[in-house]
Amino acid sequence: MDFKLDYLIDLLGDYDAIHDMMRLFIHQVPEDIAMLESGIEREDIEAVRIYSHKIKSSLAMFQVEALRVLMEKIEHLSRNKGSMLEISELYEQTRPLVENVQNEMQEYLSTHC
């Protein structure tokens, strides 16, 4: 499992609330990823910064470290007006990882709810 619930269990202690947050993640992250991709395509560095930060924060809650680190790198590059080529290359690495996390969360929810 690429995600962990330890932080949210400590924070909330309520599995129903955690499951709701997982559903929100599954629903919201594809929209945020689409906005990030659009920002990259348009070379809109501010949109890249905003959406990479938002996605990074969501990933941190679920302790998805490998993916969080990639988003953090994208965010750092966008804050420092880094290379859009480098940002795009990092973004391409995130796509299969995001899909994997979403699939794992959906599978978890289908067996635990």
Protein backbone atom coordinates (compact mmCIF):
# COMPACT_ATOMS: atom_id res chain seq x y z
CA MET A 1 0.00 0.00 0.00
CA ASP A 2 1.50 3.34 -1.09
CA PHE A 3 -0.57 5.41 1.33
CA LYS A 4 -0.70 5.28 5.10
CA LEU A 5 -3.44 6.25 7.50
CA ASP A 6 -1.33 6.64 10.67
CA TYR A 7 -1.30 10.45 10.63
CA LEU A 8 -5.05 10.72 10.06
CA ILE A 9 -5.81 8.06 12.67
CA ASP A 10 -3.76 10.03 15.20
CA LEU A 11 -5.32 13.30 14.09
CA LEU A 12 -8.95 12.23 13.74
CA GLY A 13 -9.30 8.80 15.30
CA ASP A 14 -12.50 8.39 13.31
CA TYR A 15 -12.48 5.93 10.43
CA ASP A 16 -15.68 7.34 8.92
CA ALA A 17 -14.04 10.78 8.65
CA ILE A 18 -10.87 9.20 7.24
CA HIS A 19 -12.90 7.31 4.64
CA ASP A 20 -14.63 10.57 3.70
CA MET A 21 -11.22 12.21 3.26
CA MET A 22 -10.12 9.33 1.05
CA ARG A 23 -13.23 9.73 -1.11
CA LEU A 24 -12.52 13.45 -1.37
CA PHE A 25 -8.92 12.72 -2.37
CA ILE A 26 -10.05 10.26 -5.04
CA HIS A 27 -12.51 12.84 -6.40
CA GLN A 28 -10.43 16.02 -6.06
CA VAL A 29 -6.92 14.97 -7.01
CA PRO A 30 -7.75 14.19 -10.67
CA GLU A 31 -9.16 17.72 -11.01
CA ASP A 32 -6.06 19.20 -9.37
CA ILE A 33 -3.78 17.09 -11.57
CA ALA A 34 -5.66 18.31 -14.65
CA MET A 35 -5.19 21.92 -13.52
CA LEU A 36 -1.49 21.29 -12.87
CA GLU A 37 -1.10 19.73 -16.31
CA SER A 38 -2.91 22.67 -17.88
CA GLY A 39 -0.60 25.08 -16.06
CA ILE A 40 2.43 23.23 -17.36
CA GLU A 41 1.08 23.19 -20.91
CA ARG A 42 0.36 26.93 -20.75
CA GLU A 43 3.67 27.59 -18.98
CA ASP A 44 1.68 29.29 -16.22
CA ILE A 45 4.22 29.05 -13.40
CA GLU A 46 1.77 30.46 -10.82
CA ALA A 47 -0.83 27.77 -11.58
CA VAL A 48 1.90 25.15 -11.37
CA ARG A 49 2.94 26.49 -7.96
CA ILE A 50 -0.63 26.60 -6.62
CA TYR A 51 -1.67 23.14 -7.77
CA SER A 52 1.60 21.38 -6.94
CA HIS A 53 1.33 22.81 -3.41
CA LYS A 54 -2.30 21.72 -3.08
CA ILE A 55 -1.58 18.20 -4.30
CA LYS A 56 1.54 17.96 -2.13
CA SER A 57 -0.50 18.82 0.96
CA SER A 58 -3.09 16.15 0.17
CA LEU A 59 -0.36 13.58 -0.34
CA ALA A 60 1.28 14.51 2.95
CA MET A 61 -1.92 13.71 4.88
CA PHE A 62 -1.87 10.20 3.47
CA GLN A 63 1.92 9.89 3.81
CA VAL A 64 2.49 9.16 0.13
CA GLU A 65 6.14 10.10 0.39
CA ALA A 66 7.54 9.28 -3.05
CA LEU A 67 4.82 11.27 -4.77
CA ARG A 68 4.87 14.06 -2.19
CA VAL A 69 8.60 14.53 -2.81
CA LEU A 70 8.02 14.85 -6.56
CA MET A 71 5.30 17.46 -6.00
CA GLU A 72 7.57 19.29 -3.58
CA LYS A 73 10.26 19.44 -6.27
CA ILE A 74 7.74 20.78 -8.79
CA GLU A 75 6.55 23.35 -6.27
CA HIS A 76 10.12 24.39 -5.47
CA LEU A 77 10.97 24.81 -9.16
CA SER A 78 7.83 26.85 -9.74
CA ARG A 79 8.54 29.11 -6.74
CA ASN A 80 12.03 29.74 -8.05
CA LYS A 81 11.01 30.19 -11.70
CA GLY A 82 12.70 26.94 -12.63
CA SER A 83 12.77 25.20 -15.96
CA MET A 84 9.36 24.27 -17.33
CA LEU A 85 11.06 21.36 -19.10
CA GLU A 86 12.29 20.02 -15.76
CA ILE A 87 8.86 20.60 -14.21
CA SER A 88 7.22 18.75 -17.09
CA GLU A 89 9.61 15.82 -16.74
CA LEU A 90 8.90 15.57 -13.01
CA TYR A 91 5.18 15.81 -13.68
CA GLU A 92 5.34 12.87 -16.10
CA GLN A 93 6.83 10.77 -13.30
CA THR A 94 3.87 11.56 -11.05
CA ARG A 95 1.08 10.41 -13.35
CA PRO A 96 1.34 6.62 -12.87
CA LEU A 97 1.98 7.09 -9.15
CA VAL A 98 -1.17 9.18 -8.69
CA GLU A 99 -3.26 6.61 -10.52
CA ASN A 100 -1.76 3.84 -8.40
CA VAL A 101 -2.59 5.64 -5.14
CA GLN A 102 -6.14 6.35 -6.29
CA ASN A 103 -6.65 2.71 -7.27
CA GLU A 104 -5.28 1.51 -3.95
CA MET A 105 -7.57 3.88 -2.06
CA GLN A 106 -10.59 2.74 -4.04
CA GLU A 107 -9.70 -0.88 -3.35
CA TYR A 108 -9.21 -0.11 0.36
CA LEU A 109 -12.58 1.62 0.55
CA SER A 110 -14.33 -1.22 -1.26
CA THR A 111 -13.05 -3.73 1.30
CA HIS A 112 -13.33 -1.57 4.46
CA CYS A 113 -16.63 0.25 4.03
